PDB file of N, CA and C in Angstrom:
ATOM      1  N   UNK A   1      -2.197  37.641 -49.555  1.00  0.00           N
ATOM      2  CA  UNK A   1      -0.499  38.211 -48.667  1.00  0.00           C
ATOM      3  C   UNK A   1       0.341  37.465 -50.581  1.00  0.00           C
ATOM      4  N   UNK A   2      -0.059  36.368 -50.885  1.00  0.00           N
ATOM      5  CA  UNK A   2       0.487  35.641 -51.491  1.00  0.00           C
ATOM      6  C   UNK A   2      -0.222  36.847 -52.952  1.00  0.00           C
ATOM      7  N   UNK A   3      -1.197  36.582 -53.269  1.00  0.00           N
ATOM      8  CA  UNK A   3      -2.097  37.192 -54.565  1.00  0.00           C
ATOM      9  C   UNK A   3      -1.768  38.549 -54.355  1.00  0.00           C
ATOM     10  N   UNK A   4      -0.978  39.578 -53.719  1.00  0.00           N
ATOM     11  CA  UNK A   4      -1.038  40.916 -53.731  1.00  0.00           C
ATOM     12  C   UNK A   4       0.398  40.994 -53.877  1.00  0.00           C
ATOM     13  N   UNK A   5       1.079  40.021 -53.406  1.00  0.00           N
ATOM     14  CA  UNK A   5       2.368  39.794 -54.068  1.00  0.00           C
ATOM     15  C   UNK A   5       2.531  39.217 -55.504  1.00  0.00           C
ATOM     16  N   UNK A   6       1.968  38.323 -56.091  1.00  0.00           N
ATOM     17  CA  UNK A   6       1.421  37.735 -57.472  1.00  0.00           C
ATOM     18  C   UNK A   6       1.607  39.595 -58.041  1.00  0.00           C
ATOM     19  N   UNK A   7       0.108  40.043 -57.861  1.00  0.00           N
ATOM     20  CA  UNK A   7      -0.905  41.291 -58.289  1.00  0.00           C
ATOM     21  C   UNK A   7       0.864  42.236 -59.193  1.00  0.00           C
ATOM     22  N   UNK A   8       1.270  42.305 -57.477  1.00  0.00           N
ATOM     23  CA  UNK A   8       2.311  43.449 -57.914  1.00  0.00           C
ATOM     24  C   UNK A   8       3.548  43.239 -58.568  1.00  0.00           C
ATOM     25  N   UNK A   9       3.608  41.552 -59.193  1.00  0.00           N
ATOM     26  CA  UNK A   9       5.204  41.374 -59.956  1.00  0.00           C
ATOM     27  C   UNK A   9       3.911  41.749 -61.227  1.00  0.00           C
ATOM     28  N   UNK A  10       2.933  40.928 -61.292  1.00  0.00           N
ATOM     29  CA  UNK A  10       2.227  41.312 -63.134  1.00  0.00           C
ATOM     30  C   UNK A  10       2.399  42.454 -63.180  1.00  0.00           C
ATOM     31  N   UNK A  11       1.815  43.603 -62.326  1.00  0.00           N
ATOM     32  CA  UNK A  11       2.474  44.864 -62.623  1.00  0.00           C
ATOM     33  C   UNK A  11       3.544  45.758 -63.086  1.00  0.00           C
ATOM     34  N   UNK A  12       4.151  45.126 -62.415  1.00  0.00           N
ATOM     35  CA  UNK A  12       5.955  45.762 -62.787  1.00  0.00           C
ATOM     36  C   UNK A  12       5.794  44.927 -64.439  1.00  0.00           C
ATOM     37  N   UNK A  13       5.776  43.451 -64.542  1.00  0.00           N
ATOM     38  CA  UNK A  13       5.900  43.321 -65.982  1.00  0.00           C
ATOM     39  C   UNK A  13       5.575  44.060 -67.120  1.00  0.00           C
ATOM     40  N   UNK A  14       3.780  44.153 -66.553  1.00  0.00           N
ATOM     41  CA  UNK A  14       2.796  45.083 -67.941  1.00  0.00           C
ATOM     42  C   UNK A  14       3.517  46.294 -68.154  1.00  0.00           C
ATOM     43  N   UNK A  15       4.076  47.258 -67.148  1.00  0.00           N
ATOM     44  CA  UNK A  15       4.642  47.862 -67.157  1.00  0.00           C
ATOM     45  C   UNK A  15       5.658  48.126 -68.444  1.00  0.00           C
ATOM     46  N   UNK A  16       5.392  49.270 -69.848  1.00  0.00           N
ATOM     47  CA  UNK A  16       6.299  49.443 -70.623  1.00  0.00           C
ATOM     48  C   UNK A  16       7.671  49.726 -69.973  1.00  0.00           C
ATOM     49  N   UNK A  17       8.638  49.361 -70.731  1.00  0.00           N
ATOM     50  CA  UNK A  17      10.324  49.955 -70.494  1.00  0.00           C
ATOM     51  C   UNK A  17      10.559  51.001 -71.142  1.00  0.00           C
ATOM     52  N   UNK A  18      11.557  51.620 -69.812  1.00  0.00           N
ATOM     53  CA  UNK A  18      11.660  52.853 -70.180  1.00  0.00           C
ATOM     54  C   UNK A  18      12.509  53.391 -71.789  1.00  0.00           C
ATOM     55  N   UNK A  19      11.879  54.286 -72.325  1.00  0.00           N
ATOM     56  CA  UNK A  19      12.531  54.158 -73.829  1.00  0.00           C
ATOM     57  C   UNK A  19      12.468  55.890 -73.661  1.00  0.00           C
ATOM     58  N   UNK A  20      13.280  56.303 -75.299  1.00  0.00           N
ATOM     59  CA  UNK A  20      14.650  57.044 -75.529  1.00  0.00           C
ATOM     60  C   UNK A  20      13.013  57.960 -75.703  1.00  0.00           C
ATOM     61  N   UNK A  21      12.953  59.108 -75.700  1.00  0.00           N
ATOM     62  CA  UNK A  21      11.952  60.014 -75.679  1.00  0.00           C
ATOM     63  C   UNK A  21      12.015  60.567 -77.317  1.00  0.00           C
ATOM     64  N   UNK A  22      13.652  60.455 -77.677  1.00  0.00           N
ATOM     65  CA  UNK A  22      14.003  60.364 -78.971  1.00  0.00           C
ATOM     66  C   UNK A  22      13.467  59.389 -79.984  1.00  0.00           C
ATOM     67  N   UNK A  23      12.672  59.405 -81.139  1.00  0.00           N
ATOM     68  CA  UNK A  23      11.962  58.250 -82.044  1.00  0.00           C
ATOM     69  C   UNK A  23      12.207  58.458 -83.166  1.00  0.00           C
ATOM     70  N   UNK A  24      12.195  56.720 -84.233  1.00  0.00           N
ATOM     71  CA  UNK A  24      12.113  57.413 -85.315  1.00  0.00           C
ATOM     72  C   UNK A  24      10.986  58.192 -86.107  1.00  0.00           C
ATOM     73  N   UNK A  25      11.772  58.907 -86.656  1.00  0.00           N
ATOM     74  CA  UNK A  25      10.342  60.160 -87.557  1.00  0.00           C
ATOM     75  C   UNK A  25      11.028  61.574 -87.048  1.00  0.00           C
ATOM     76  N   UNK A  26      11.931  61.714 -85.690  1.00  0.00           N
ATOM     77  CA  UNK A  26      11.933  62.821 -85.738  1.00  0.00           C
ATOM     78  C   UNK A  26      13.403  63.245 -85.807  1.00  0.00           C
ATOM     79  N   UNK A  27      13.807  65.194 -86.039  1.00  0.00           N
ATOM     80  CA  UNK A  27      14.880  65.379 -86.595  1.00  0.00           C
ATOM     81  C   UNK A  27      15.889  65.329 -85.256  1.00  0.00           C
ATOM     82  N   UNK A  28      17.277  65.538 -85.544  1.00  0.00           N
ATOM     83  CA  UNK A  28      17.929  66.160 -84.614  1.00  0.00           C
ATOM     84  C   UNK A  28      19.474  66.523 -85.476  1.00  0.00           C
ATOM     85  N   UNK A  29      20.259  67.220 -84.351  1.00  0.00           N
ATOM     86  CA  UNK A  29      21.442  67.641 -84.751  1.00  0.00           C
ATOM     87  C   UNK A  29      22.637  66.720 -84.602  1.00  0.00           C
ATOM     88  N   UNK A  30      23.046  66.349 -86.011  1.00  0.00           N
ATOM     89  CA  UNK A  30      24.070  65.555 -85.084  1.00  0.00           C
ATOM     90  C   UNK A  30      26.134  66.322 -86.115  1.00  0.00           C
ATOM     91  N   UNK A  31      26.407  65.548 -85.019  1.00  0.00           N
ATOM     92  CA  UNK A  31      27.820  66.289 -84.800  1.00  0.00           C
ATOM     93  C   UNK A  31      28.663  65.124 -85.791  1.00  0.00           C
ATOM     94  N   UNK A  32      29.177  65.262 -86.778  1.00  0.00           N
ATOM     95  CA  UNK A  32      29.774  64.744 -88.089  1.00  0.00           C
ATOM     96  C   UNK A  32      31.589  66.271 -88.424  1.00  0.00           C
ATOM     97  N   UNK A  33      33.052  65.049 -87.901  1.00  0.00           N
ATOM     98  CA  UNK A  33      33.997  66.340 -87.790  1.00  0.00           C
ATOM     99  C   UNK A  33      33.797  67.096 -87.722  1.00  0.00           C
ATOM    100  N   UNK A  34      33.527  67.920 -86.535  1.00  0.00           N
ATOM    101  CA  UNK A  34      33.410  68.815 -85.975  1.00  0.00           C
ATOM    102  C   UNK A  34      32.543  70.170 -86.873  1.00  0.00           C
ATOM    103  N   UNK A  35      31.778  69.864 -87.002  1.00  0.00           N
ATOM    104  CA  UNK A  35      30.550  70.236 -87.778  1.00  0.00           C
ATOM    105  C   UNK A  35      28.835  69.503 -87.494  1.00  0.00           C
ATOM    106  N   UNK A  36      28.174  70.638 -87.175  1.00  0.00           N
ATOM    107  CA  UNK A  36      26.300  69.797 -87.481  1.00  0.00           C
ATOM    108  C   UNK A  36      25.450  70.221 -88.281  1.00  0.00           C
ATOM    109  N   UNK A  37      25.171  68.659 -88.475  1.00  0.00           N
ATOM    110  CA  UNK A  37      24.191  68.258 -89.915  1.00  0.00           C
ATOM    111  C   UNK A  37      22.957  68.380 -89.282  1.00  0.00           C
ATOM    112  N   UNK A  38      21.810  68.441 -89.862  1.00  0.00           N
ATOM    113  CA  UNK A  38      20.978  68.295 -90.031  1.00  0.00           C
ATOM    114  C   UNK A  38      20.431  66.609 -90.407  1.00  0.00           C
ATOM    115  N   UNK A  39      19.410  65.971 -89.333  1.00  0.00           N
ATOM    116  CA  UNK A  39      19.366  64.737 -89.847  1.00  0.00           C
ATOM    117  C   UNK A  39      18.124  64.136 -89.312  1.00  0.00           C
ATOM    118  N   UNK A  40      17.759  62.440 -89.514  1.00  0.00           N
ATOM    119  CA  UNK A  40      15.984  62.274 -89.377  1.00  0.00           C
ATOM    120  C   UNK A  40      16.701  60.753 -88.602  1.00  0.00           C
ATOM    121  N   UNK A  41      15.801  60.495 -87.776  1.00  0.00           N
ATOM    122  CA  UNK A  41      16.038  59.776 -86.807  1.00  0.00           C
ATOM    123  C   UNK A  41      15.654  58.531 -87.612  1.00  0.00           C
ATOM    124  N   UNK A  42      16.014  57.434 -88.374  1.00  0.00           N
ATOM    125  CA  UNK A  42      15.377  56.488 -88.870  1.00  0.00           C
ATOM    126  C   UNK A  42      14.795  55.414 -87.616  1.00  0.00           C
ATOM    127  N   UNK A  43      15.914  54.934 -86.848  1.00  0.00           N
ATOM    128  CA  UNK A  43      15.788  54.211 -85.900  1.00  0.00           C
ATOM    129  C   UNK A  43      15.895  54.195 -84.355  1.00  0.00           C
ATOM    130  N   UNK A  44      16.011  53.776 -83.423  1.00  0.00           N
ATOM    131  CA  UNK A  44      17.180  53.658 -82.044  1.00  0.00           C
ATOM    132  C   UNK A  44      16.865  51.811 -81.622  1.00  0.00           C
ATOM    133  N   UNK A  45      18.028  51.877 -81.178  1.00  0.00           N
ATOM    134  CA  UNK A  45      18.330  50.565 -80.765  1.00  0.00           C
ATOM    135  C   UNK A  45      19.183  51.203 -79.130  1.00  0.00           C
ATOM    136  N   UNK A  46      18.726  50.836 -77.919  1.00  0.00           N
ATOM    137  CA  UNK A  46      19.168  51.437 -76.800  1.00  0.00           C
ATOM    138  C   UNK A  46      20.012  52.755 -76.827  1.00  0.00           C
ATOM    139  N   UNK A  47      20.655  53.460 -76.594  1.00  0.00           N
ATOM    140  CA  UNK A  47      21.287  54.706 -76.473  1.00  0.00           C
ATOM    141  C   UNK A  47      22.597  54.931 -78.003  1.00  0.00           C
ATOM    142  N   UNK A  48      21.915  53.952 -78.779  1.00  0.00           N
ATOM    143  CA  UNK A  48      22.521  54.427 -80.313  1.00  0.00           C
ATOM    144  C   UNK A  48      21.484  54.496 -81.599  1.00  0.00           C
ATOM    145  N   UNK A  49      21.348  55.374 -82.592  1.00  0.00           N
ATOM    146  CA  UNK A  49      20.129  56.318 -82.961  1.00  0.00           C
ATOM    147  C   UNK A  49      20.910  55.901 -84.897  1.00  0.00           C
ATOM    148  N   UNK A  50      19.882  55.282 -85.331  1.00  0.00           N
ATOM    149  CA  UNK A  50      20.547  54.986 -86.788  1.00  0.00           C
ATOM    150  C   UNK A  50      19.931  56.337 -88.076  1.00  0.00           C
ATOM    151  N   UNK A  51      20.690  56.870 -88.474  1.00  0.00           N
ATOM    152  CA  UNK A  51      20.644  58.085 -88.857  1.00  0.00           C
ATOM    153  C   UNK A  51      20.254  58.599 -90.356  1.00  0.00           C
ATOM    154  N   UNK A  52      19.617  59.603 -90.610  1.00  0.00           N
ATOM    155  CA  UNK A  52      19.742  60.077 -92.184  1.00  0.00           C
ATOM    156  C   UNK A  52      20.041  61.356 -92.167  1.00  0.00           C
ATOM    157  N   UNK A  53      21.100  61.285 -93.033  1.00  0.00           N
ATOM    158  CA  UNK A  53      21.348  63.487 -92.979  1.00  0.00           C
ATOM    159  C   UNK A  53      20.771  63.907 -94.031  1.00  0.00           C
ATOM    160  N   UNK A  54      19.837  64.490 -93.959  1.00  0.00           N
ATOM    161  CA  UNK A  54      18.892  65.385 -94.949  1.00  0.00           C
ATOM    162  C   UNK A  54      19.678  66.555 -95.827  1.00  0.00           C
ATOM    163  N   UNK A  55      19.631  65.741 -97.233  1.00  0.00           N
ATOM    164  CA  UNK A  55      20.293  66.698 -98.219  1.00  0.00           C
ATOM    165  C   UNK A  55      20.637  65.735 -99.014  1.00  0.00           C
ATOM    166  N   UNK A  56      21.069  64.181 -98.148  1.00  0.00           N
ATOM    167  CA  UNK A  56      22.326  63.404 -98.510  1.00  0.00           C
ATOM    168  C   UNK A  56      22.127  62.242 -99.111  1.00  0.00           C
ATOM    169  N   UNK A  57      22.517  61.415 -99.766  1.00  0.00           N
ATOM    170  CA  UNK A  57      22.083  60.398-100.567  1.00  0.00           C
ATOM    171  C   UNK A  57      22.279  59.202 -99.428  1.00  0.00           C
ATOM    172  N   UNK A  58      21.528  58.252 -99.255  1.00  0.00           N
ATOM    173  CA  UNK A  58      21.074  56.825 -98.011  1.00  0.00           C
ATOM    174  C   UNK A  58      22.703  56.641 -98.021  1.00  0.00           C
ATOM    175  N   UNK A  59      23.567  56.402 -98.455  1.00  0.00           N
ATOM    176  CA  UNK A  59      25.238  55.636 -98.453  1.00  0.00           C
ATOM    177  C   UNK A  59      25.374  56.166 -97.098  1.00  0.00           C
ATOM    178  N   UNK A  60      24.981  57.738 -96.553  1.00  0.00           N
ATOM    179  CA  UNK A  60      25.276  58.410 -95.464  1.00  0.00           C
ATOM    180  C   UNK A  60      24.764  58.356 -94.483  1.00  0.00           C
ATOM    181  N   UNK A  61      23.362  57.079 -94.285  1.00  0.00           N
ATOM    182  CA  UNK A  61      23.296  57.045 -93.323  1.00  0.00           C
ATOM    183  C   UNK A  61      23.826  55.925 -92.084  1.00  0.00           C
ATOM    184  N   UNK A  62      23.880  56.023 -91.388  1.00  0.00           N
ATOM    185  CA  UNK A  62      24.779  55.808 -89.954  1.00  0.00           C
ATOM    186  C   UNK A  62      24.484  55.253 -88.936  1.00  0.00           C
ATOM    187  N   UNK A  63      24.757  54.685 -87.869  1.00  0.00           N
ATOM    188  CA  UNK A  63      24.415  54.828 -85.827  1.00  0.00           C
ATOM    189  C   UNK A  63      25.303  55.480 -85.563  1.00  0.00           C
ATOM    190  N   UNK A  64      25.156  56.431 -84.729  1.00  0.00           N
ATOM    191  CA  UNK A  64      25.126  57.087 -84.239  1.00  0.00           C
ATOM    192  C   UNK A  64      25.333  57.240 -82.413  1.00  0.00           C
ATOM    193  N   UNK A  65      26.359  57.185 -81.980  1.00  0.00           N
ATOM    194  CA  UNK A  65      26.142  57.020 -80.229  1.00  0.00           C
ATOM    195  C   UNK A  65      25.354  58.802 -80.029  1.00  0.00           C
ATOM    196  N   UNK A  66      25.066  58.432 -78.544  1.00  0.00           N
ATOM    197  CA  UNK A  66      24.384  59.908 -77.798  1.00  0.00           C
ATOM    198  C   UNK A  66      25.579  60.791 -78.021  1.00  0.00           C
ATOM    199  N   UNK A  67      26.688  60.580 -78.143  1.00  0.00           N
ATOM    200  CA  UNK A  67      27.373  61.858 -77.747  1.00  0.00           C
ATOM    201  C   UNK A  67      27.737  63.247 -78.628  1.00  0.00           C
ATOM    202  N   UNK A  68      27.355  62.278 -80.055  1.00  0.00           N
ATOM    203  CA  UNK A  68      27.067  63.026 -81.266  1.00  0.00           C
ATOM    204  C   UNK A  68      25.885  63.953 -81.849  1.00  0.00           C
ATOM    205  N   UNK A  69      24.881  63.824 -80.583  1.00  0.00           N
ATOM    206  CA  UNK A  69      23.778  63.865 -81.020  1.00  0.00           C
ATOM    207  C   UNK A  69      23.453  65.344 -80.244  1.00  0.00           C
ATOM    208  N   UNK A  70      23.051  67.097 -80.449  1.00  0.00           N
ATOM    209  CA  UNK A  70      22.896  67.797 -79.804  1.00  0.00           C
ATOM    210  C   UNK A  70      21.301  67.151 -79.014  1.00  0.00           C
ATOM    211  N   UNK A  71      21.197  67.441 -77.250  1.00  0.00           N
ATOM    212  CA  UNK A  71      20.233  66.738 -77.316  1.00  0.00           C
ATOM    213  C   UNK A  71      19.739  67.591 -75.859  1.00  0.00           C
ATOM    214  N   UNK A  72      18.213  67.876 -75.423  1.00  0.00           N
ATOM    215  CA  UNK A  72      17.940  68.233 -74.289  1.00  0.00           C
ATOM    216  C   UNK A  72      17.449  67.050 -73.075  1.00  0.00           C
ATOM    217  N   UNK A  73      18.051  67.829 -72.167  1.00  0.00           N
ATOM    218  CA  UNK A  73      17.008  66.874 -70.908  1.00  0.00           C
ATOM    219  C   UNK A  73      16.538  67.234 -69.837  1.00  0.00           C
ATOM    220  N   UNK A  74      15.141  66.781 -69.811  1.00  0.00           N
ATOM    221  CA  UNK A  74      14.149  67.409 -68.806  1.00  0.00           C
ATOM    222  C   UNK A  74      14.597  67.126 -67.164  1.00  0.00           C
ATOM    223  N   UNK A  75      14.418  68.097 -66.904  1.00  0.00           N
ATOM    224  CA  UNK A  75      14.864  67.816 -65.398  1.00  0.00           C
ATOM    225  C   UNK A  75      13.773  68.862 -63.818  1.00  0.00           C
ATOM    226  N   UNK A  76      13.093  68.596 -63.754  1.00  0.00           N
ATOM    227  CA  UNK A  76      12.005  69.426 -62.695  1.00  0.00           C
ATOM    228  C   UNK A  76      11.431  69.480 -63.778  1.00  0.00           C
ATOM    229  N   UNK A  77      10.411  69.255 -64.614  1.00  0.00           N
ATOM    230  CA  UNK A  77       9.573  70.083 -65.692  1.00  0.00           C
ATOM    231  C   UNK A  77       9.779  70.620 -66.935  1.00  0.00           C
ATOM    232  N   UNK A  78      11.394  70.811 -66.723  1.00  0.00           N
ATOM    233  CA  UNK A  78      11.787  72.129 -67.546  1.00  0.00           C
ATOM    234  C   UNK A  78      12.897  70.870 -68.787  1.00  0.00           C
ATOM    235  N   UNK A  79      12.881  71.367 -69.800  1.00  0.00           N
ATOM    236  CA  UNK A  79      14.119  70.829 -71.036  1.00  0.00           C
ATOM    237  C   UNK A  79      15.082  71.842 -70.814  1.00  0.00           C
ATOM    238  N   UNK A  80      16.652  71.185 -70.852  1.00  0.00           N
ATOM    239  CA  UNK A  80      17.309  71.688 -71.345  1.00  0.00           C
ATOM    240  C   UNK A  80      18.702  71.428 -71.855  1.00  0.00           C
ATOM    241  N   UNK A  81      18.995  72.533 -72.573  1.00  0.00           N
ATOM    242  CA  UNK A  81      20.206  71.810 -73.221  1.00  0.00           C
ATOM    243  C   UNK A  81      21.367  70.980 -72.823  1.00  0.00           C
ATOM    244  N   UNK A  82      21.725  70.346 -73.212  1.00  0.00           N
ATOM    245  CA  UNK A  82      22.905  69.424 -72.698  1.00  0.00           C
ATOM    246  C   UNK A  82      24.052  68.398 -74.258  1.00  0.00           C
ATOM    247  N   UNK A  83      25.119  67.997 -73.750  1.00  0.00           N
ATOM    248  CA  UNK A  83      25.717  66.891 -74.070  1.00  0.00           C
ATOM    249  C   UNK A  83      25.393  65.800 -73.938  1.00  0.00           C
ATOM    250  N   UNK A  84      25.338  64.470 -74.318  1.00  0.00           N
ATOM    251  CA  UNK A  84      26.052  63.419 -73.564  1.00  0.00           C
ATOM    252  C   UNK A  84      27.436  63.396 -74.153  1.00  0.00           C
ATOM    253  N   UNK A  85      28.129  62.865 -72.517  1.00  0.00           N
ATOM    254  CA  UNK A  85      29.451  62.203 -72.191  1.00  0.00           C
ATOM    255  C   UNK A  85      29.586  60.826 -72.720  1.00  0.00           C
ATOM    256  N   UNK A  86      28.557  59.732 -72.348  1.00  0.00           N
ATOM    257  CA  UNK A  86      29.004  57.985 -72.387  1.00  0.00           C
ATOM    258  C   UNK A  86      27.594  57.458 -72.100  1.00  0.00           C
ATOM    259  N   UNK A  87      27.307  56.312 -72.150  1.00  0.00           N
ATOM    260  CA  UNK A  87      26.814  55.792 -71.984  1.00  0.00           C
ATOM    261  C   UNK A  87      26.829  54.421 -71.419  1.00  0.00           C
ATOM    262  N   UNK A  88      25.338  53.645 -70.495  1.00  0.00           N
ATOM    263  CA  UNK A  88      26.088  52.426 -70.237  1.00  0.00           C
ATOM    264  C   UNK A  88      24.641  51.919 -69.435  1.00  0.00           C
ATOM    265  N   UNK A  89      24.308  50.954 -70.268  1.00  0.00           N
ATOM    266  CA  UNK A  89      23.320  49.753 -69.916  1.00  0.00           C
ATOM    267  C   UNK A  89      22.395  50.332 -69.810  1.00  0.00           C
ATOM    268  N   UNK A  90      21.539  51.679 -70.847  1.00  0.00           N
ATOM    269  CA  UNK A  90      20.181  52.380 -70.980  1.00  0.00           C
ATOM    270  C   UNK A  90      20.323  53.680 -70.346  1.00  0.00           C
ATOM    271  N   UNK A  91      21.655  54.008 -69.869  1.00  0.00           N
ATOM    272  CA  UNK A  91      21.455  55.098 -69.387  1.00  0.00           C
ATOM    273  C   UNK A  91      22.826  55.917 -70.001  1.00  0.00           C
ATOM    274  N   UNK A  92      22.509  57.620 -69.621  1.00  0.00           N
ATOM    275  CA  UNK A  92      23.726  58.555 -69.973  1.00  0.00           C
ATOM    276  C   UNK A  92      24.267  59.517 -69.085  1.00  0.00           C
ATOM    277  N   UNK A  93      25.365  59.756 -69.247  1.00  0.00           N
ATOM    278  CA  UNK A  93      25.653  60.251 -68.476  1.00  0.00           C
ATOM    279  C   UNK A  93      25.665  62.007 -69.272  1.00  0.00           C
ATOM    280  N   UNK A  94      25.027  63.257 -68.602  1.00  0.00           N
ATOM    281  CA  UNK A  94      25.217  64.410 -69.376  1.00  0.00           C
ATOM    282  C   UNK A  94      25.713  65.150 -68.835  1.00  0.00           C
ATOM    283  N   UNK A  95      26.265  66.233 -70.019  1.00  0.00           N
ATOM    284  CA  UNK A  95      27.108  67.567 -68.966  1.00  0.00           C
ATOM    285  C   UNK A  95      25.409  68.630 -69.222  1.00  0.00           C
ATOM    286  N   UNK A  96      25.654  69.645 -68.537  1.00  0.00           N
ATOM    287  CA  UNK A  96      23.931  70.153 -68.915  1.00  0.00           C
ATOM    288  C   UNK A  96      24.527  71.746 -69.671  1.00  0.00           C
ATOM    289  N   UNK A  97      24.588  72.165 -70.870  1.00  0.00           N
ATOM    290  CA  UNK A  97      24.831  73.596 -71.191  1.00  0.00           C
ATOM    291  C   UNK A  97      25.295  74.791 -70.467  1.00  0.00           C
ATOM    292  N   UNK A  98      26.290  75.132 -70.095  1.00  0.00           N
ATOM    293  CA  UNK A  98      26.140  76.717 -68.967  1.00  0.00           C
ATOM    294  C   UNK A  98      26.524  76.148 -67.634  1.00  0.00           C
ATOM    295  N   UNK A  99      26.520  74.798 -67.388  1.00  0.00           N
ATOM    296  CA  UNK A  99      26.749  74.690 -65.897  1.00  0.00           C
ATOM    297  C   UNK A  99      27.411  73.721 -66.135  1.00  0.00           C
ATOM    298  N   UNK A 100      27.925  74.157 -64.424  1.00  0.00           N
ATOM    299  CA  UNK A 100      29.721  73.162 -64.295  1.00  0.00           C
ATOM    300  C   UNK A 100      29.369  71.657 -64.162  1.00  0.00           C
ATOM    301  N   UNK A 101      30.925  70.724 -63.795  1.00  0.00           N
ATOM    302  CA  UNK A 101      30.378  69.493 -64.070  1.00  0.00           C
ATOM    303  C   UNK A 101      29.504  69.147 -62.611  1.00  0.00           C
ATOM    304  N   UNK A 102      29.691  69.768 -61.778  1.00  0.00           N
ATOM    305  CA  UNK A 102      28.955  69.594 -60.348  1.00  0.00           C
ATOM    306  C   UNK A 102      27.239  68.722 -60.701  1.00  0.00           C
ATOM    307  N   UNK A 103      26.865  69.601 -62.010  1.00  0.00           N
ATOM    308  CA  UNK A 103      25.522  68.810 -62.501  1.00  0.00           C
ATOM    309  C   UNK A 103      25.071  67.740 -63.586  1.00  0.00           C
ATOM    310  N   UNK A 104      26.570  67.600 -63.574  1.00  0.00           N
ATOM    311  CA  UNK A 104      26.784  65.922 -64.861  1.00  0.00           C
ATOM    312  C   UNK A 104      25.791  64.819 -63.966  1.00  0.00           C
ATOM    313  N   UNK A 105      25.254  64.594 -64.234  1.00  0.00           N
ATOM    314  CA  UNK A 105      24.264  63.113 -64.187  1.00  0.00           C
ATOM    315  C   UNK A 105      24.152  62.048 -64.897  1.00  0.00           C
ATOM    316  N   UNK A 106      24.013  61.186 -64.666  1.00  0.00           N
ATOM    317  CA  UNK A 106      23.153  59.878 -65.346  1.00  0.00           C
ATOM    318  C   UNK A 106      21.800  60.147 -65.146  1.00  0.00           C
ATOM    319  N   UNK A 107      21.190  59.831 -66.717  1.00  0.00           N
ATOM    320  CA  UNK A 107      19.967  59.981 -66.614  1.00  0.00           C
ATOM    321  C   UNK A 107      19.298  59.078 -67.708  1.00  0.00           C
ATOM    322  N   UNK A 108      17.995  58.506 -67.129  1.00  0.00           N
ATOM    323  CA  UNK A 108      17.114  57.741 -67.870  1.00  0.00           C
ATOM    324  C   UNK A 108      17.087  58.063 -69.922  1.00  0.00           C
ATOM    325  N   UNK A 109      16.579  57.485 -70.059  1.00  0.00           N
ATOM    326  CA  UNK A 109      16.784  57.157 -71.859  1.00  0.00           C
ATOM    327  C   UNK A 109      15.105  58.434 -71.447  1.00  0.00           C
ATOM    328  N   UNK A 110      14.080  57.939 -70.973  1.00  0.00           N
ATOM    329  CA  UNK A 110      13.151  58.606 -71.019  1.00  0.00           C
ATOM    330  C   UNK A 110      13.053  60.076 -71.111  1.00  0.00           C
ATOM    331  N   UNK A 111      14.275  60.607 -70.092  1.00  0.00           N
ATOM    332  CA  UNK A 111      14.477  62.489 -70.232  1.00  0.00           C
ATOM    333  C   UNK A 111      15.271  62.660 -71.317  1.00  0.00           C
ATOM    334  N   UNK A 112      15.579  61.686 -72.424  1.00  0.00           N
ATOM    335  CA  UNK A 112      15.980  62.572 -73.642  1.00  0.00           C
ATOM    336  C   UNK A 112      15.504  63.090 -74.712  1.00  0.00           C
ATOM    337  N   UNK A 113      15.580  64.105 -75.620  1.00  0.00           N
ATOM    338  CA  UNK A 113      15.213  63.985 -76.852  1.00  0.00           C
ATOM    339  C   UNK A 113      16.461  64.921 -77.415  1.00  0.00           C
ATOM    340  N   UNK A 114      15.681  64.834 -78.871  1.00  0.00           N
ATOM    341  CA  UNK A 114      16.583  65.157 -79.667  1.00  0.00           C
ATOM    342  C   UNK A 114      16.464  67.371 -79.141  1.00  0.00           C
ATOM    343  N   UNK A 115      17.677  67.910 -79.760  1.00  0.00           N
ATOM    344  CA  UNK A 115      17.701  69.554 -79.870  1.00  0.00           C
ATOM    345  C   UNK A 115      17.009  70.457 -80.837  1.00  0.00           C
TER     346      UNK A 115
END
């Protein structure tokens, strides 16, 4: 019995932590001052992205929160356009485009990709 518990605990810690489907090198649409801009993701940290705006010099690179990034969310095997509302502790509250707020939900980062 104790060996089974130890094995279960070892397997739990061996599993990779959930991470955002958005990774360094991906492209994203980022909202800035009323317009959408093409950007490249340089790195991620939790629910924030460090991005480089395509066509602009590195002085414009910045960290952005998910509410400024056009995203898609995986739901039952299909990707849906959504907007991030806010994030807390590795989860993001999202609103699906074209659906009422009764569909809003907290999702884990592995269900999000750039749009």
